[in-house]
Amino acid sequence: MFNSLTKLVKKNTGLLIRLDDISENMEWKYMDKCEVLFDKFNIKPLLGVIPENKDPELLSYPKNIDFWNRVESWRSIREIFTICIVGIIYLKSSYDIRSIASSIHRI
């Protein structure tokens, strides 16, 4: 009985890995390292891709001109990555969470 339960739990339990804010402009050396680890350990991540990045902080990184081909290869060739879209036009908010929390607390 215990063996059956253990097998059932192992079969139906997992870890979800999601990476967000993947865009043409980002620190690609870290994504390269992630890809190697995903392949090595057969990890099937969920990747949140920014279709149109307008965020000044991310735009400060060099542009990967092969970005969309790479995204397509994750989706079609490798078939182990799931791609999701992080909005359509991306611009990170400059709201300070502490000031928002403070405002809510006063209400």
C-alpha atoms as a PDB file:
ATOM      1  CA  MET A   1       0.000   0.000   0.000  1.00  0.00           C
ATOM      2  CA  PHE A   2       2.744   2.440   0.989  1.00  0.00           C
ATOM      3  CA  ASN A   3       4.704   1.688  -2.204  1.00  0.00           C
ATOM      4  CA  SER A   4       1.626   2.381  -4.313  1.00  0.00           C
ATOM      5  CA  LEU A   5       1.070   5.690  -2.548  1.00  0.00           C
ATOM      6  CA  THR A   6       4.712   6.678  -2.953  1.00  0.00           C
ATOM      7  CA  LYS A   7       4.582   5.911  -6.691  1.00  0.00           C
ATOM      8  CA  LEU A   8       1.360   7.883  -7.056  1.00  0.00           C
ATOM      9  CA  VAL A   9       2.841  10.929  -5.301  1.00  0.00           C
ATOM     10  CA  LYS A  10       6.057  10.814  -7.345  1.00  0.00           C
ATOM     11  CA  LYS A  11       4.106  10.492 -10.575  1.00  0.00           C
ATOM     12  CA  ASN A  12       1.755  13.401  -9.817  1.00  0.00           C
ATOM     13  CA  THR A  13       4.022  15.802  -7.973  1.00  0.00           C
ATOM     14  CA  GLY A  14       6.349  18.271  -9.533  1.00  0.00           C
ATOM     15  CA  LEU A  15       7.951  21.647  -9.422  1.00  0.00           C
ATOM     16  CA  LEU A  16       6.885  24.546 -11.621  1.00  0.00           C
ATOM     17  CA  ILE A  17       9.652  26.828 -12.812  1.00  0.00           C
ATOM     18  CA  ARG A  18       8.564  30.071 -14.422  1.00  0.00           C
ATOM     19  CA  LEU A  19      10.884  32.735 -15.734  1.00  0.00           C
ATOM     20  CA  ASP A  20       9.304  36.110 -16.475  1.00  0.00           C
ATOM     21  CA  ASP A  21      10.369  39.225 -18.352  1.00  0.00           C
ATOM     22  CA  ILE A  22      12.254  37.429 -21.093  1.00  0.00           C
ATOM     23  CA  SER A  23      12.846  39.981 -23.824  1.00  0.00           C
ATOM     24  CA  GLU A  24      15.147  40.961 -26.650  1.00  0.00           C
ATOM     25  CA  ASN A  25      17.003  43.198 -24.226  1.00  0.00           C
ATOM     26  CA  MET A  26      18.181  41.323 -21.161  1.00  0.00           C
ATOM     27  CA  GLU A  27      21.262  39.669 -19.689  1.00  0.00           C
ATOM     28  CA  TRP A  28      21.326  36.693 -22.062  1.00  0.00           C
ATOM     29  CA  LYS A  29      24.322  34.966 -20.489  1.00  0.00           C
ATOM     30  CA  TYR A  30      22.054  33.958 -17.582  1.00  0.00           C
ATOM     31  CA  MET A  31      19.389  32.604 -19.905  1.00  0.00           C
ATOM     32  CA  ASP A  32      22.070  30.593 -21.713  1.00  0.00           C
ATOM     33  CA  LYS A  33      23.063  29.020 -18.385  1.00  0.00           C
ATOM     34  CA  CYS A  34      19.423  28.307 -17.536  1.00  0.00           C
ATOM     35  CA  GLU A  35      18.913  26.559 -20.864  1.00  0.00           C
ATOM     36  CA  VAL A  36      21.884  24.279 -20.204  1.00  0.00           C
ATOM     37  CA  LEU A  37      20.451  23.353 -16.795  1.00  0.00           C
ATOM     38  CA  PHE A  38      16.950  22.832 -18.198  1.00  0.00           C
ATOM     39  CA  ASP A  39      18.352  20.430 -20.775  1.00  0.00           C
ATOM     40  CA  LYS A  40      20.669  18.648 -18.354  1.00  0.00           C
ATOM     41  CA  PHE A  41      17.956  17.970 -15.781  1.00  0.00           C
ATOM     42  CA  ASN A  42      15.040  17.630 -18.222  1.00  0.00           C
ATOM     43  CA  ILE A  43      13.274  20.645 -16.719  1.00  0.00           C
ATOM     44  CA  LYS A  44      10.260  21.947 -18.633  1.00  0.00           C
ATOM     45  CA  PRO A  45       9.932  25.603 -17.633  1.00  0.00           C
ATOM     46  CA  LEU A  46       7.212  28.128 -18.293  1.00  0.00           C
ATOM     47  CA  LEU A  47       8.796  31.160 -19.972  1.00  0.00           C
ATOM     48  CA  GLY A  48       7.096  34.560 -19.788  1.00  0.00           C
ATOM     49  CA  VAL A  49       8.073  36.476 -22.931  1.00  0.00           C
ATOM     50  CA  ILE A  50       7.661  40.234 -23.414  1.00  0.00           C
ATOM     51  CA  PRO A  51       6.427  40.858 -26.997  1.00  0.00           C
ATOM     52  CA  GLU A  52       7.094  44.607 -27.020  1.00  0.00           C
ATOM     53  CA  ASN A  53       9.470  45.844 -24.360  1.00  0.00           C
ATOM     54  CA  LYS A  54       9.254  49.552 -23.498  1.00  0.00           C
ATOM     55  CA  ASP A  55      10.924  49.347 -20.090  1.00  0.00           C
ATOM     56  CA  PRO A  56      13.965  51.675 -19.880  1.00  0.00           C
ATOM     57  CA  GLU A  57      15.799  49.418 -17.445  1.00  0.00           C
ATOM     58  CA  LEU A  58      15.533  46.359 -19.693  1.00  0.00           C
ATOM     59  CA  LEU A  59      16.213  48.407 -22.815  1.00  0.00           C
ATOM     60  CA  SER A  60      19.604  49.336 -21.343  1.00  0.00           C
ATOM     61  CA  TYR A  61      20.797  45.760 -22.080  1.00  0.00           C
ATOM     62  CA  PRO A  62      22.111  44.787 -25.535  1.00  0.00           C
ATOM     63  CA  LYS A  63      19.468  43.629 -28.001  1.00  0.00           C
ATOM     64  CA  ASN A  64      19.436  39.973 -29.058  1.00  0.00           C
ATOM     65  CA  ILE A  65      18.647  40.206 -32.779  1.00  0.00           C
ATOM     66  CA  ASP A  66      17.875  36.472 -32.877  1.00  0.00           C
ATOM     67  CA  PHE A  67      15.311  36.724 -30.039  1.00  0.00           C
ATOM     68  CA  TRP A  68      12.157  35.601 -31.843  1.00  0.00           C
ATOM     69  CA  ASN A  69      13.936  32.728 -33.595  1.00  0.00           C
ATOM     70  CA  ARG A  70      15.160  31.572 -30.214  1.00  0.00           C
ATOM     71  CA  VAL A  71      11.672  31.790 -28.704  1.00  0.00           C
ATOM     72  CA  GLU A  72      10.322  29.805 -31.652  1.00  0.00           C
ATOM     73  CA  SER A  73      13.020  27.158 -31.161  1.00  0.00           C
ATOM     74  CA  TRP A  74      12.028  26.798 -27.494  1.00  0.00           C
ATOM     75  CA  ARG A  75       8.431  26.261 -28.544  1.00  0.00           C
ATOM     76  CA  SER A  76       8.710  24.127 -31.663  1.00  0.00           C
ATOM     77  CA  ILE A  77      12.061  22.372 -31.839  1.00  0.00           C
ATOM     78  CA  ARG A  78      12.641  21.605 -28.195  1.00  0.00           C
ATOM     79  CA  GLU A  79       8.948  21.187 -27.346  1.00  0.00           C
ATOM     80  CA  ILE A  80       9.800  21.160 -23.664  1.00  0.00           C
ATOM     81  CA  PHE A  81       9.401  24.835 -22.904  1.00  0.00           C
ATOM     82  CA  THR A  82       5.982  26.407 -22.522  1.00  0.00           C
ATOM     83  CA  ILE A  83       5.832  30.011 -23.715  1.00  0.00           C
ATOM     84  CA  CYS A  84       3.460  32.569 -22.242  1.00  0.00           C
ATOM     85  CA  ILE A  85       3.093  36.250 -23.018  1.00  0.00           C
ATOM     86  CA  VAL A  86       3.764  38.859 -20.316  1.00  0.00           C
ATOM     87  CA  GLY A  87       1.337  41.531 -21.509  1.00  0.00           C
ATOM     88  CA  ILE A  88       1.625  43.030 -24.972  1.00  0.00           C
ATOM     89  CA  ILE A  89       3.539  46.232 -24.319  1.00  0.00           C
ATOM     90  CA  TYR A  90       5.716  46.034 -21.218  1.00  0.00           C
ATOM     91  CA  LEU A  91       6.646  49.014 -19.054  1.00  0.00           C
ATOM     92  CA  LYS A  92       7.528  48.312 -15.445  1.00  0.00           C
ATOM     93  CA  SER A  93       5.592  50.417 -12.948  1.00  0.00           C
ATOM     94  CA  SER A  94       7.507  52.853 -10.801  1.00  0.00           C
ATOM     95  CA  TYR A  95       5.127  52.526  -7.862  1.00  0.00           C
ATOM     96  CA  ASP A  96       6.768  52.050  -4.498  1.00  0.00           C
ATOM     97  CA  ILE A  97       4.992  49.221  -2.677  1.00  0.00           C
ATOM     98  CA  ARG A  98       5.700  50.816   0.704  1.00  0.00           C
ATOM     99  CA  SER A  99       3.878  54.002  -0.254  1.00  0.00           C
ATOM    100  CA  ILE A 100       0.937  51.992  -1.604  1.00  0.00           C
ATOM    101  CA  ALA A 101       0.768  49.923   1.604  1.00  0.00           C
ATOM    102  CA  SER A 102       0.964  53.097   3.661  1.00  0.00           C
ATOM    103  CA  SER A 103      -1.905  54.659   1.688  1.00  0.00           C
ATOM    104  CA  ILE A 104      -4.055  51.569   2.113  1.00  0.00           C
ATOM    105  CA  HIS A 105      -3.330  51.479   5.831  1.00  0.00           C
ATOM    106  CA  ARG A 106      -4.598  55.075   6.207  1.00  0.00           C
ATOM    107  CA  ILE A 107      -7.911  54.249   4.540  1.00  0.00           C
END
